[in-house]
Amino acid sequence: MKKIYSNEIIERMSEKLIEINYKLPDEIKKYIEDAYFVEKEKYSKKYLKIILENLKYAEKNKIPICQDTGLTIVFVELGGEVNIELGNYKNLVEVISEGVKMGSQKGFLRKSVVDPITRKNTETNTPPIIHFLISEFKEKFKITLISKGFGSENASRIKMLNPTEGKEGIENFIIQTVKESGSLPCPPLFIGVGIGGSFEKSAILSKYALTKIGNENSEYRKWEKKIVEKINKLGIGPGGFGGKITCFDLKIESYPTHIAGLPVAINICCWAHRVGSFEL
């Protein structure tokens, strides 16, 4: 039985939340660097250059990459033989939330979380959105978090397709969603697609797919690349200034569904894909 203490989780959550807000993962940064050399459109190339300069400055000075430091999305992979010593906390949700609160305070992250009706700010960037995944590895405890900006989140869509629409219908929905969003989600984009399950399952799958960016080991890799090529032919380009690169990459996650359904969710992320993970 693995024993993990709440203070360990809180400290690591806090550190990782601060880190991903001022430093993008190397694989994410490489997409931007590669696009800069490929892009020929004058203003699009300049836009990418400014992004790279911004990334360098943010990392050097340890300040947020973007003023929208996002809503914290958390995926917890938990094995059956992990014992969480909660201390004064009621449950693991409270522990994770405390880590987000601490990280937001220490990292001077913008307070962006409000009540959906009254719009009153919680002042702590909590609660985060937490998804628990049961791991086949008994002593596994891994947390992956995303600081999800809402310019791109608001461009995300879900649709219950007719099963007869198949792969072509899925592609059309993805491409139409990107086309309609234009420059609003701050392209070039990273896109997560969830296919199957139920209405809510497809949405979670699409968010989880974003944690897989940079992973080439996908049963759908050829299809993913084909869709990216079609999106890039839209010519929206970096910042909406036109050009070759509208989408950096796209990942698909699927789950069995009902014979009468084909749920498809598209979760769009801007170029500032702030993602990171840690294990205890």
C-alpha atoms as a PDB file:
ATOM      1  CA  MET A   1       0.000   0.000   0.000  1.00  0.00           C
ATOM      2  CA  LYS A   2       1.437   3.357  -1.058  1.00  0.00           C
ATOM      3  CA  LYS A   3       0.897   6.198   1.403  1.00  0.00           C
ATOM      4  CA  ILE A   4       0.749   9.797   0.175  1.00  0.00           C
ATOM      5  CA  TYR A   5       0.322  12.810   2.435  1.00  0.00           C
ATOM      6  CA  SER A   6      -1.937  15.738   1.629  1.00  0.00           C
ATOM      7  CA  ASN A   7       0.820  18.314   2.114  1.00  0.00           C
ATOM      8  CA  GLU A   8       2.880  16.581  -0.618  1.00  0.00           C
ATOM      9  CA  ILE A   9       0.000  16.826  -3.079  1.00  0.00           C
ATOM     10  CA  ILE A  10      -0.711  20.456  -2.225  1.00  0.00           C
ATOM     11  CA  GLU A  11       2.911  21.496  -2.612  1.00  0.00           C
ATOM     12  CA  ARG A  12       3.392  19.708  -5.936  1.00  0.00           C
ATOM     13  CA  MET A  13       0.040  21.008  -7.265  1.00  0.00           C
ATOM     14  CA  SER A  14       1.042  24.538  -6.364  1.00  0.00           C
ATOM     15  CA  GLU A  15       4.484  24.241  -7.970  1.00  0.00           C
ATOM     16  CA  LYS A  16       3.193  22.654 -11.164  1.00  0.00           C
ATOM     17  CA  LEU A  17       0.367  25.165 -11.601  1.00  0.00           C
ATOM     18  CA  ILE A  18       2.819  28.061 -11.331  1.00  0.00           C
ATOM     19  CA  GLU A  19       5.309  26.354 -13.656  1.00  0.00           C
ATOM     20  CA  ILE A  20       2.906  25.632 -16.516  1.00  0.00           C
ATOM     21  CA  ASN A  21       1.729  29.240 -16.468  1.00  0.00           C
ATOM     22  CA  TYR A  22       5.167  30.662 -17.204  1.00  0.00           C
ATOM     23  CA  LYS A  23       6.851  27.797 -19.062  1.00  0.00           C
ATOM     24  CA  LEU A  24       5.358  25.727 -21.867  1.00  0.00           C
ATOM     25  CA  PRO A  25       6.474  22.093 -22.261  1.00  0.00           C
ATOM     26  CA  ASP A  26       9.336  21.697 -24.743  1.00  0.00           C
ATOM     27  CA  GLU A  27       7.189  19.681 -27.163  1.00  0.00           C
ATOM     28  CA  ILE A  28       4.571  22.470 -27.245  1.00  0.00           C
ATOM     29  CA  LYS A  29       7.205  25.152 -27.755  1.00  0.00           C
ATOM     30  CA  LYS A  30       8.697  23.161 -30.630  1.00  0.00           C
ATOM     31  CA  TYR A  31       5.408  23.302 -32.546  1.00  0.00           C
ATOM     32  CA  ILE A  32       5.592  27.106 -32.388  1.00  0.00           C
ATOM     33  CA  GLU A  33       9.276  27.248 -33.321  1.00  0.00           C
ATOM     34  CA  ASP A  34       8.740  24.950 -36.303  1.00  0.00           C
ATOM     35  CA  ALA A  35       5.749  26.997 -37.467  1.00  0.00           C
ATOM     36  CA  TYR A  36       7.821  30.180 -37.382  1.00  0.00           C
ATOM     37  CA  PHE A  37      10.250  28.743 -39.938  1.00  0.00           C
ATOM     38  CA  VAL A  38       7.464  27.336 -42.121  1.00  0.00           C
ATOM     39  CA  GLU A  39       5.152  30.357 -42.120  1.00  0.00           C
ATOM     40  CA  LYS A  40       5.703  32.863 -44.941  1.00  0.00           C
ATOM     41  CA  GLU A  41       2.798  35.268 -44.445  1.00  0.00           C
ATOM     42  CA  LYS A  42       4.323  38.546 -43.202  1.00  0.00           C
ATOM     43  CA  TYR A  43       2.054  39.328 -40.255  1.00  0.00           C
ATOM     44  CA  SER A  44       1.573  35.689 -39.301  1.00  0.00           C
ATOM     45  CA  LYS A  45       5.337  35.214 -39.079  1.00  0.00           C
ATOM     46  CA  LYS A  46       5.644  38.370 -36.997  1.00  0.00           C
ATOM     47  CA  TYR A  47       2.850  37.109 -34.727  1.00  0.00           C
ATOM     48  CA  LEU A  48       4.744  33.847 -34.131  1.00  0.00           C
ATOM     49  CA  LYS A  49       7.953  35.767 -33.475  1.00  0.00           C
ATOM     50  CA  ILE A  50       6.197  37.834 -30.802  1.00  0.00           C
ATOM     51  CA  ILE A  51       4.865  34.636 -29.211  1.00  0.00           C
ATOM     52  CA  LEU A  52       8.382  33.167 -29.036  1.00  0.00           C
ATOM     53  CA  GLU A  53       9.741  36.385 -27.537  1.00  0.00           C
ATOM     54  CA  ASN A  54       6.909  36.370 -25.017  1.00  0.00           C
ATOM     55  CA  LEU A  55       7.661  32.763 -24.047  1.00  0.00           C
ATOM     56  CA  LYS A  56      11.324  33.586 -23.514  1.00  0.00           C
ATOM     57  CA  TYR A  57      10.525  36.626 -21.378  1.00  0.00           C
ATOM     58  CA  ALA A  58       7.877  34.825 -19.321  1.00  0.00           C
ATOM     59  CA  GLU A  59      10.160  31.886 -18.568  1.00  0.00           C
ATOM     60  CA  LYS A  60      13.127  34.107 -17.679  1.00  0.00           C
ATOM     61  CA  ASN A  61      11.107  36.309 -15.323  1.00  0.00           C
ATOM     62  CA  LYS A  62       8.704  33.606 -14.119  1.00  0.00           C
ATOM     63  CA  ILE A  63       5.581  35.570 -14.976  1.00  0.00           C
ATOM     64  CA  PRO A  64       2.415  34.254 -16.690  1.00  0.00           C
ATOM     65  CA  ILE A  65       2.559  33.700 -20.443  1.00  0.00           C
ATOM     66  CA  CYS A  66      -0.971  35.087 -20.832  1.00  0.00           C
ATOM     67  CA  GLN A  67      -3.180  37.336 -18.709  1.00  0.00           C
ATOM     68  CA  ASP A  68      -5.864  34.646 -18.840  1.00  0.00           C
ATOM     69  CA  THR A  69      -4.267  32.100 -16.525  1.00  0.00           C
ATOM     70  CA  GLY A  70      -7.237  29.857 -17.120  1.00  0.00           C
ATOM     71  CA  LEU A  71      -9.504  27.471 -15.285  1.00  0.00           C
ATOM     72  CA  THR A  72      -7.578  24.570 -13.766  1.00  0.00           C
ATOM     73  CA  ILE A  73      -8.532  21.183 -15.214  1.00  0.00           C
ATOM     74  CA  VAL A  74      -7.189  18.157 -13.320  1.00  0.00           C
ATOM     75  CA  PHE A  75      -6.987  14.496 -14.314  1.00  0.00           C
ATOM     76  CA  VAL A  76      -6.128  12.167 -11.424  1.00  0.00           C
ATOM     77  CA  GLU A  77      -4.913   8.650 -12.241  1.00  0.00           C
ATOM     78  CA  LEU A  78      -5.432   6.660  -9.061  1.00  0.00           C
ATOM     79  CA  GLY A  79      -4.527   3.060  -8.263  1.00  0.00           C
ATOM     80  CA  GLY A  80      -6.437   0.833  -5.866  1.00  0.00           C
ATOM     81  CA  GLU A  81      -3.593   0.545  -3.370  1.00  0.00           C
ATOM     82  CA  VAL A  82      -2.956   4.236  -2.803  1.00  0.00           C
ATOM     83  CA  ASN A  83      -3.775   5.587   0.634  1.00  0.00           C
ATOM     84  CA  ILE A  84      -4.183   9.368   0.853  1.00  0.00           C
ATOM     85  CA  GLU A  85      -3.449  10.724   4.332  1.00  0.00           C
ATOM     86  CA  LEU A  86      -5.913  13.631   4.304  1.00  0.00           C
ATOM     87  CA  GLY A  87      -4.937  15.325   7.569  1.00  0.00           C
ATOM     88  CA  ASN A  88      -7.445  18.122   8.198  1.00  0.00           C
ATOM     89  CA  TYR A  89      -9.042  17.828   4.766  1.00  0.00           C
ATOM     90  CA  LYS A  90     -12.309  15.984   4.109  1.00  0.00           C
ATOM     91  CA  ASN A  91     -11.352  14.391   0.792  1.00  0.00           C
ATOM     92  CA  LEU A  92      -8.922  14.459  -2.132  1.00  0.00           C
ATOM     93  CA  VAL A  93     -10.982  17.132  -3.915  1.00  0.00           C
ATOM     94  CA  GLU A  94     -10.305  19.548  -1.022  1.00  0.00           C
ATOM     95  CA  VAL A  95      -6.605  18.695  -1.095  1.00  0.00           C
ATOM     96  CA  ILE A  96      -6.294  19.373  -4.826  1.00  0.00           C
ATOM     97  CA  SER A  97      -8.306  22.577  -4.489  1.00  0.00           C
ATOM     98  CA  GLU A  98      -5.945  23.788  -1.775  1.00  0.00           C
ATOM     99  CA  GLY A  99      -3.026  23.194  -4.142  1.00  0.00           C
ATOM    100  CA  VAL A 100      -4.722  25.303  -6.813  1.00  0.00           C
ATOM    101  CA  LYS A 101      -5.462  28.051  -4.303  1.00  0.00           C
ATOM    102  CA  MET A 102      -1.876  28.123  -3.051  1.00  0.00           C
ATOM    103  CA  GLY A 103      -0.401  28.074  -6.558  1.00  0.00           C
ATOM    104  CA  SER A 104      -2.685  30.888  -7.691  1.00  0.00           C
ATOM    105  CA  GLN A 105      -1.624  33.038  -4.751  1.00  0.00           C
ATOM    106  CA  LYS A 106       2.097  32.314  -4.970  1.00  0.00           C
ATOM    107  CA  GLY A 107       2.187  32.640  -8.749  1.00  0.00           C
ATOM    108  CA  PHE A 108       0.049  35.811  -8.827  1.00  0.00           C
ATOM    109  CA  LEU A 109      -2.359  34.147 -11.232  1.00  0.00           C
ATOM    110  CA  ARG A 110      -5.382  36.180 -12.245  1.00  0.00           C
ATOM    111  CA  LYS A 111      -8.518  35.401 -10.241  1.00  0.00           C
ATOM    112  CA  SER A 112     -10.834  34.138 -12.976  1.00  0.00           C
ATOM    113  CA  VAL A 113     -13.311  31.776 -11.304  1.00  0.00           C
ATOM    114  CA  VAL A 114     -16.834  33.055 -10.611  1.00  0.00           C
ATOM    115  CA  ASP A 115     -20.300  31.809  -9.728  1.00  0.00           C
ATOM    116  CA  PRO A 116     -22.052  31.161 -13.077  1.00  0.00           C
ATOM    117  CA  ILE A 117     -25.224  33.043 -12.072  1.00  0.00           C
ATOM    118  CA  THR A 118     -24.201  35.845  -9.698  1.00  0.00           C
ATOM    119  CA  ARG A 119     -20.719  36.192 -11.321  1.00  0.00           C
ATOM    120  CA  LYS A 120     -19.261  36.693  -7.833  1.00  0.00           C
ATOM    121  CA  ASN A 121     -15.546  35.863  -7.861  1.00  0.00           C
ATOM    122  CA  THR A 122     -14.402  33.027  -5.587  1.00  0.00           C
ATOM    123  CA  GLU A 123     -11.111  34.946  -5.108  1.00  0.00           C
ATOM    124  CA  THR A 124      -9.122  31.685  -5.014  1.00  0.00           C
ATOM    125  CA  ASN A 125      -9.333  30.289  -8.579  1.00  0.00           C
ATOM    126  CA  THR A 126     -11.161  27.338  -7.038  1.00  0.00           C
ATOM    127  CA  PRO A 127     -12.892  25.022  -7.418  1.00  0.00           C
ATOM    128  CA  PRO A 128     -10.914  23.334 -10.199  1.00  0.00           C
ATOM    129  CA  ILE A 129     -12.524  20.819 -12.554  1.00  0.00           C
ATOM    130  CA  ILE A 130     -11.394  17.352 -11.445  1.00  0.00           C
ATOM    131  CA  HIS A 131     -11.721  14.042 -13.289  1.00  0.00           C
ATOM    132  CA  PHE A 132     -10.744  10.770 -11.591  1.00  0.00           C
ATOM    133  CA  LEU A 133      -9.376   7.913 -13.688  1.00  0.00           C
ATOM    134  CA  ILE A 134      -8.979   4.461 -12.143  1.00  0.00           C
ATOM    135  CA  SER A 135      -5.508   3.119 -12.983  1.00  0.00           C
ATOM    136  CA  GLU A 136      -4.684  -0.509 -13.697  1.00  0.00           C
ATOM    137  CA  PHE A 137      -1.443   0.054 -11.743  1.00  0.00           C
ATOM    138  CA  LYS A 138      -2.273  -0.422  -8.080  1.00  0.00           C
ATOM    139  CA  GLU A 139       0.166   2.139  -6.665  1.00  0.00           C
ATOM    140  CA  LYS A 140      -0.259   4.745  -9.376  1.00  0.00           C
ATOM    141  CA  PHE A 141      -0.885   8.339  -8.371  1.00  0.00           C
ATOM    142  CA  LYS A 142      -0.465  10.786 -11.211  1.00  0.00           C
ATOM    143  CA  ILE A 143      -1.928  14.244 -11.650  1.00  0.00           C
ATOM    144  CA  THR A 144      -2.111  16.012 -15.005  1.00  0.00           C
ATOM    145  CA  LEU A 145      -3.316  19.589 -15.040  1.00  0.00           C
ATOM    146  CA  ILE A 146      -4.207  22.096 -17.723  1.00  0.00           C
ATOM    147  CA  SER A 147      -4.585  25.844 -17.260  1.00  0.00           C
ATOM    148  CA  LYS A 148      -7.400  26.269 -19.782  1.00  0.00           C
ATOM    149  CA  GLY A 149      -7.967  29.738 -21.179  1.00  0.00           C
ATOM    150  CA  PHE A 150     -11.525  30.578 -22.111  1.00  0.00           C
ATOM    151  CA  GLY A 151     -10.993  32.378 -25.388  1.00  0.00           C
ATOM    152  CA  SER A 152     -10.406  28.949 -26.869  1.00  0.00           C
ATOM    153  CA  GLU A 153     -12.727  27.088 -24.491  1.00  0.00           C
ATOM    154  CA  ASN A 154     -15.633  29.214 -25.710  1.00  0.00           C
ATOM    155  CA  ALA A 155     -14.937  28.053 -29.272  1.00  0.00           C
ATOM    156  CA  SER A 156     -15.383  24.396 -28.274  1.00  0.00           C
ATOM    157  CA  ARG A 157     -18.435  22.498 -29.470  1.00  0.00           C
ATOM    158  CA  ILE A 158     -20.353  19.242 -28.983  1.00  0.00           C
ATOM    159  CA  LYS A 159     -22.796  17.592 -31.360  1.00  0.00           C
ATOM    160  CA  MET A 160     -24.846  14.423 -31.449  1.00  0.00           C
ATOM    161  CA  LEU A 161     -24.202  13.227 -34.986  1.00  0.00           C
ATOM    162  CA  ASN A 162     -26.288  10.680 -36.808  1.00  0.00           C
ATOM    163  CA  PRO A 163     -24.317   7.384 -36.843  1.00  0.00           C
ATOM    164  CA  THR A 164     -24.644   7.253 -40.634  1.00  0.00           C
ATOM    165  CA  GLU A 165     -22.523  10.426 -40.923  1.00  0.00           C
ATOM    166  CA  GLY A 166     -19.448   8.408 -39.924  1.00  0.00           C
ATOM    167  CA  LYS A 167     -15.886   9.658 -40.300  1.00  0.00           C
ATOM    168  CA  GLU A 168     -16.820  12.169 -42.978  1.00  0.00           C
ATOM    169  CA  GLY A 169     -19.412  13.751 -40.717  1.00  0.00           C
ATOM    170  CA  ILE A 170     -16.908  13.939 -37.866  1.00  0.00           C
ATOM    171  CA  GLU A 171     -14.329  15.646 -40.083  1.00  0.00           C
ATOM    172  CA  ASN A 172     -16.881  18.109 -41.415  1.00  0.00           C
ATOM    173  CA  PHE A 173     -17.961  19.031 -37.884  1.00  0.00           C
ATOM    174  CA  ILE A 174     -14.366  19.612 -36.773  1.00  0.00           C
ATOM    175  CA  ILE A 175     -13.460  21.721 -39.801  1.00  0.00           C
ATOM    176  CA  GLN A 176     -16.680  23.754 -39.612  1.00  0.00           C
ATOM    177  CA  THR A 177     -16.078  24.454 -35.915  1.00  0.00           C
ATOM    178  CA  VAL A 178     -12.568  25.766 -36.589  1.00  0.00           C
ATOM    179  CA  LYS A 179     -13.765  27.795 -39.579  1.00  0.00           C
ATOM    180  CA  GLU A 180     -16.526  29.465 -37.563  1.00  0.00           C
ATOM    181  CA  SER A 181     -14.193  30.259 -34.666  1.00  0.00           C
ATOM    182  CA  GLY A 182     -11.793  32.180 -36.917  1.00  0.00           C
ATOM    183  CA  SER A 183      -9.229  34.164 -34.960  1.00  0.00           C
ATOM    184  CA  LEU A 184     -11.169  34.168 -31.664  1.00  0.00           C
ATOM    185  CA  PRO A 185      -9.413  31.146 -30.043  1.00  0.00           C
ATOM    186  CA  CYS A 186      -5.944  32.596 -30.808  1.00  0.00           C
ATOM    187  CA  PRO A 187      -4.638  30.188 -33.455  1.00  0.00           C
ATOM    188  CA  PRO A 188      -2.548  28.216 -34.206  1.00  0.00           C
ATOM    189  CA  LEU A 189      -4.563  25.696 -32.256  1.00  0.00           C
ATOM    190  CA  PHE A 190      -4.250  22.422 -30.434  1.00  0.00           C
ATOM    191  CA  ILE A 191      -7.466  20.411 -30.710  1.00  0.00           C
ATOM    192  CA  GLY A 192      -8.822  17.539 -28.646  1.00  0.00           C
ATOM    193  CA  VAL A 193     -11.626  15.430 -30.133  1.00  0.00           C
ATOM    194  CA  GLY A 194     -13.799  13.053 -28.126  1.00  0.00           C
ATOM    195  CA  ILE A 195     -15.824  10.502 -30.062  1.00  0.00           C
ATOM    196  CA  GLY A 196     -18.404   8.128 -28.623  1.00  0.00           C
ATOM    197  CA  GLY A 197     -19.685   7.344 -25.166  1.00  0.00           C
ATOM    198  CA  SER A 198     -22.514   9.658 -24.183  1.00  0.00           C
ATOM    199  CA  PHE A 199     -23.066  13.418 -24.334  1.00  0.00           C
ATOM    200  CA  GLU A 200     -20.903  14.137 -21.278  1.00  0.00           C
ATOM    201  CA  LYS A 201     -18.373  11.344 -21.906  1.00  0.00           C
ATOM    202  CA  SER A 202     -17.412  12.720 -25.314  1.00  0.00           C
ATOM    203  CA  ALA A 203     -16.743  16.130 -23.764  1.00  0.00           C
ATOM    204  CA  ILE A 204     -14.432  14.670 -21.118  1.00  0.00           C
ATOM    205  CA  LEU A 205     -12.673  12.601 -23.778  1.00  0.00           C
ATOM    206  CA  SER A 206     -12.027  15.728 -25.843  1.00  0.00           C
ATOM    207  CA  LYS A 207     -10.417  17.447 -22.855  1.00  0.00           C
ATOM    208  CA  TYR A 208      -8.380  14.364 -22.011  1.00  0.00           C
ATOM    209  CA  ALA A 209      -7.201  14.204 -25.629  1.00  0.00           C
ATOM    210  CA  LEU A 210      -5.454  17.547 -25.097  1.00  0.00           C
ATOM    211  CA  THR A 211      -3.200  15.903 -22.499  1.00  0.00           C
ATOM    212  CA  LYS A 212      -1.914  13.626 -25.282  1.00  0.00           C
ATOM    213  CA  ILE A 213      -0.514  16.369 -27.531  1.00  0.00           C
ATOM    214  CA  GLY A 214       2.991  15.392 -28.625  1.00  0.00           C
ATOM    215  CA  ASN A 215       2.288  11.669 -28.296  1.00  0.00           C
ATOM    216  CA  GLU A 216       2.711   9.970 -31.656  1.00  0.00           C
ATOM    217  CA  ASN A 217       1.522   6.579 -30.383  1.00  0.00           C
ATOM    218  CA  SER A 218      -2.113   6.808 -31.387  1.00  0.00           C
ATOM    219  CA  GLU A 219      -4.293   4.337 -33.234  1.00  0.00           C
ATOM    220  CA  TYR A 220      -5.781   7.340 -35.037  1.00  0.00           C
ATOM    221  CA  ARG A 221      -2.490   9.078 -35.913  1.00  0.00           C
ATOM    222  CA  LYS A 222      -2.918   8.932 -39.700  1.00  0.00           C
ATOM    223  CA  TRP A 223      -6.462  10.243 -39.435  1.00  0.00           C
ATOM    224  CA  GLU A 224      -5.418  12.976 -36.984  1.00  0.00           C
ATOM    225  CA  LYS A 225      -2.743  14.234 -39.386  1.00  0.00           C
ATOM    226  CA  LYS A 226      -5.192  14.137 -42.296  1.00  0.00           C
ATOM    227  CA  ILE A 227      -7.642  16.348 -40.383  1.00  0.00           C
ATOM    228  CA  VAL A 228      -4.859  18.783 -39.438  1.00  0.00           C
ATOM    229  CA  GLU A 229      -3.953  19.102 -43.126  1.00  0.00           C
ATOM    230  CA  LYS A 230      -7.568  19.924 -43.997  1.00  0.00           C
ATOM    231  CA  ILE A 231      -7.801  22.506 -41.203  1.00  0.00           C
ATOM    232  CA  ASN A 232      -4.609  24.197 -42.360  1.00  0.00           C
ATOM    233  CA  LYS A 233      -6.045  24.554 -45.849  1.00  0.00           C
ATOM    234  CA  LEU A 234      -8.625  26.954 -44.354  1.00  0.00           C
ATOM    235  CA  GLY A 235      -5.906  29.613 -44.405  1.00  0.00           C
ATOM    236  CA  ILE A 236      -6.909  31.248 -41.112  1.00  0.00           C
ATOM    237  CA  GLY A 237      -3.288  31.199 -39.990  1.00  0.00           C
ATOM    238  CA  PRO A 238      -1.550  32.469 -36.844  1.00  0.00           C
ATOM    239  CA  GLY A 239      -3.639  35.109 -35.096  1.00  0.00           C
ATOM    240  CA  GLY A 240      -6.093  34.975 -37.992  1.00  0.00           C
ATOM    241  CA  PHE A 241      -3.644  36.838 -40.270  1.00  0.00           C
ATOM    242  CA  GLY A 242      -3.704  34.075 -42.876  1.00  0.00           C
ATOM    243  CA  GLY A 243      -1.063  31.510 -43.702  1.00  0.00           C
ATOM    244  CA  LYS A 244      -0.187  27.837 -43.608  1.00  0.00           C
ATOM    245  CA  ILE A 245      -0.546  26.984 -39.925  1.00  0.00           C
ATOM    246  CA  THR A 246      -3.999  27.200 -38.331  1.00  0.00           C
ATOM    247  CA  CYS A 247      -3.721  23.995 -36.294  1.00  0.00           C
ATOM    248  CA  PHE A 248      -0.522  22.634 -34.742  1.00  0.00           C
ATOM    249  CA  ASP A 249      -1.926  19.238 -33.852  1.00  0.00           C
ATOM    250  CA  LEU A 250      -5.094  17.307 -33.106  1.00  0.00           C
ATOM    251  CA  LYS A 251      -5.645  14.277 -30.897  1.00  0.00           C
ATOM    252  CA  ILE A 252      -8.592  11.869 -30.834  1.00  0.00           C
ATOM    253  CA  GLU A 253      -9.901   9.819 -27.917  1.00  0.00           C
ATOM    254  CA  SER A 254     -12.802   7.409 -28.434  1.00  0.00           C
ATOM    255  CA  TYR A 255     -15.144   5.235 -26.370  1.00  0.00           C
ATOM    256  CA  PRO A 256     -17.867   2.722 -27.311  1.00  0.00           C
ATOM    257  CA  THR A 257     -21.303   4.259 -27.756  1.00  0.00           C
ATOM    258  CA  HIS A 258     -24.951   3.306 -28.341  1.00  0.00           C
ATOM    259  CA  ILE A 259     -26.032   1.920 -31.722  1.00  0.00           C
ATOM    260  CA  ALA A 260     -28.257   4.972 -32.230  1.00  0.00           C
ATOM    261  CA  GLY A 261     -25.648   7.601 -31.412  1.00  0.00           C
ATOM    262  CA  LEU A 262     -22.409   9.274 -32.467  1.00  0.00           C
ATOM    263  CA  PRO A 263     -21.508  11.964 -29.914  1.00  0.00           C
ATOM    264  CA  VAL A 264     -18.587  14.158 -30.970  1.00  0.00           C
ATOM    265  CA  ALA A 265     -16.964  16.859 -28.836  1.00  0.00           C
ATOM    266  CA  ILE A 266     -14.306  19.308 -29.976  1.00  0.00           C
ATOM    267  CA  ASN A 267     -12.178  21.004 -27.349  1.00  0.00           C
ATOM    268  CA  ILE A 268     -10.106  23.819 -28.792  1.00  0.00           C
ATOM    269  CA  CYS A 269      -6.955  25.143 -27.139  1.00  0.00           C
ATOM    270  CA  CYS A 270      -4.966  28.209 -28.173  1.00  0.00           C
ATOM    271  CA  TRP A 271      -1.232  28.151 -28.897  1.00  0.00           C
ATOM    272  CA  ALA A 272      -0.550  28.572 -25.147  1.00  0.00           C
ATOM    273  CA  HIS A 273      -1.267  24.958 -24.247  1.00  0.00           C
ATOM    274  CA  ARG A 274      -0.305  25.021 -20.562  1.00  0.00           C
ATOM    275  CA  VAL A 275      -0.166  21.422 -19.478  1.00  0.00           C
ATOM    276  CA  GLY A 276       1.949  19.447 -17.039  1.00  0.00           C
ATOM    277  CA  SER A 277       1.935  16.398 -14.788  1.00  0.00           C
ATOM    278  CA  PHE A 278       3.620  14.851 -11.775  1.00  0.00           C
ATOM    279  CA  GLU A 279       3.619  11.532  -9.963  1.00  0.00           C
ATOM    280  CA  LEU A 280       3.935  10.720  -6.280  1.00  0.00           C
END
